[in-house]
Amino acid sequence: MKQSSIVFLAVVSLFLQAFLLISLISFFIGIYNAYAAFAGGDPKLIAGHISSGIVISLIQIAPAILGYFISYMLIKNKRVNDFALLKSALKFYAYLWLLFIPIGTILGAKLLTQLKKG
């Protein structure tokens, strides 16, 4: 692979994995809205806020998974070692992946072990 295509893939991977952070924020906003609606005493409203936070979060995680696999491919091909900033950004995203229980935890742990190897 050419150097320019590797840089392009790295930027695309980081951009797509930014949806992971947006997804976490959406989830916590949904939980906060449910907490704020708790005083009203309407269980349907509380459940609606929780479910909307979860559903929106899952929709936003789809592009992040694609970015995860691009970054995993770059790590497997030993292309991450060329870029120090990319390696630290991927480590940050790997720790964010750990917050998505259960599938994200597995993906984050796998990314961290690959970063440590490579």
Protein backbone atom coordinates (compact mmCIF):
# COMPACT_ATOMS: atom_id res chain seq x y z
CA MET A 1 0.00 0.00 0.00
CA LYS A 2 1.15 3.50 -0.71
CA GLN A 3 1.81 5.91 2.13
CA SER A 4 -1.01 8.25 1.03
CA SER A 5 -3.59 5.46 1.03
CA ILE A 6 -2.50 4.40 4.51
CA VAL A 7 -2.89 7.94 5.78
CA PHE A 8 -6.31 8.16 4.14
CA LEU A 9 -7.42 4.89 5.76
CA ALA A 10 -6.10 6.05 9.13
CA VAL A 11 -8.02 9.33 8.92
CA VAL A 12 -11.20 7.54 7.82
CA SER A 13 -10.81 5.07 10.67
CA LEU A 14 -10.40 7.82 13.25
CA PHE A 15 -13.33 9.77 11.82
CA LEU A 16 -15.62 6.74 11.88
CA GLN A 17 -14.59 5.79 15.38
CA ALA A 18 -15.52 9.29 16.54
CA PHE A 19 -19.09 8.03 16.27
CA LEU A 20 -18.24 5.89 19.29
CA LEU A 21 -17.85 8.99 21.43
CA ILE A 22 -21.04 10.50 20.00
CA SER A 23 -22.82 7.24 20.75
CA LEU A 24 -21.71 7.27 24.38
CA ILE A 25 -22.85 10.86 24.76
CA SER A 26 -26.26 10.02 23.26
CA PHE A 27 -26.65 7.07 25.61
CA PHE A 28 -25.88 9.13 28.69
CA ILE A 29 -28.20 11.92 27.53
CA GLY A 30 -31.00 9.34 27.26
CA ILE A 31 -30.25 8.09 30.77
CA TYR A 32 -30.17 11.65 32.08
CA ASN A 33 -33.52 12.41 30.43
CA ALA A 34 -34.97 9.31 32.06
CA TYR A 35 -33.62 10.46 35.42
CA ALA A 36 -35.12 13.92 34.89
CA ALA A 37 -38.49 12.37 33.99
CA PHE A 38 -38.39 10.17 37.09
CA ALA A 39 -39.98 12.92 39.19
CA GLY A 40 -43.08 12.83 36.97
CA GLY A 41 -43.75 9.24 37.93
CA ASP A 42 -44.73 8.06 34.44
CA PRO A 43 -42.98 4.72 33.83
CA LYS A 44 -43.73 4.78 30.09
CA LEU A 45 -41.97 8.12 29.73
CA ILE A 46 -38.96 6.88 31.68
CA ALA A 47 -38.77 3.69 29.62
CA GLY A 48 -39.14 5.72 26.44
CA HIS A 49 -36.15 7.90 27.34
CA ILE A 50 -34.03 4.88 28.21
CA SER A 51 -34.97 2.99 25.05
CA SER A 52 -34.42 6.02 22.83
CA GLY A 53 -30.96 6.49 24.34
CA ILE A 54 -30.11 2.85 23.67
CA VAL A 55 -31.52 2.75 20.13
CA ILE A 56 -29.85 5.98 19.04
CA SER A 57 -26.61 4.76 20.56
CA LEU A 58 -26.79 1.49 18.65
CA ILE A 59 -27.51 3.28 15.38
CA GLN A 60 -24.52 5.54 15.89
CA ILE A 61 -22.22 2.63 16.74
CA ALA A 62 -22.56 1.06 13.26
CA PRO A 63 -20.06 3.40 11.53
CA ALA A 64 -17.74 3.10 14.52
CA ILE A 65 -17.56 -0.67 14.04
CA LEU A 66 -16.53 -0.13 10.42
CA GLY A 67 -13.81 2.25 11.62
CA TYR A 68 -12.73 -0.33 14.17
CA PHE A 69 -12.18 -2.95 11.49
CA ILE A 70 -10.21 -0.51 9.32
CA SER A 71 -7.93 0.31 12.24
CA TYR A 72 -7.59 -3.37 13.12
CA MET A 73 -6.51 -4.05 9.54
CA LEU A 74 -3.90 -1.29 9.77
CA ILE A 75 -2.57 -2.70 13.02
CA LYS A 76 -2.38 -6.22 11.61
CA ASN A 77 -0.37 -4.94 8.63
CA LYS A 78 2.05 -3.16 11.01
CA ARG A 79 1.18 0.22 9.49
CA VAL A 80 0.37 1.89 12.82
CA ASN A 81 3.97 2.07 13.98
CA ASP A 82 4.70 4.68 11.31
CA PHE A 83 2.36 7.19 12.97
CA ALA A 84 2.74 7.94 16.68
CA LEU A 85 -0.39 10.08 16.83
CA LEU A 86 -2.47 7.35 15.22
CA LYS A 87 -1.29 4.81 17.76
CA SER A 88 -2.21 7.02 20.71
CA ALA A 89 -5.61 7.87 19.17
CA LEU A 90 -6.34 4.18 18.62
CA LYS A 91 -5.42 3.46 22.22
CA PHE A 92 -7.92 6.14 23.32
CA TYR A 93 -10.63 4.58 21.16
CA ALA A 94 -9.77 1.12 22.47
CA TYR A 95 -10.44 2.32 26.00
CA LEU A 96 -13.73 3.83 24.83
CA TRP A 97 -14.67 0.51 23.26
CA LEU A 98 -14.30 -1.09 26.68
CA LEU A 99 -17.33 0.88 27.86
CA PHE A 100 -19.69 -0.84 25.41
CA ILE A 101 -20.69 -3.98 27.26
CA PRO A 102 -20.46 -6.84 26.12
CA ILE A 103 -19.38 -6.69 22.46
CA GLY A 104 -17.42 -3.46 22.74
CA THR A 105 -15.47 -4.79 25.70
CA ILE A 106 -14.27 -7.72 23.61
CA LEU A 107 -13.41 -5.45 20.68
CA GLY A 108 -11.58 -2.96 22.91
CA ALA A 109 -9.55 -5.66 24.63
CA LYS A 110 -8.62 -7.17 21.28
CA LEU A 111 -7.54 -3.77 19.93
CA LEU A 112 -5.44 -3.09 23.04
CA THR A 113 -3.66 -6.45 22.77
CA GLN A 114 -2.94 -5.86 19.08
CA LEU A 115 -1.58 -2.40 19.85
CA LYS A 116 0.67 -3.87 22.52
CA LYS A 117 1.96 -6.56 20.13
CA GLY A 118 2.48 -4.30 17.16
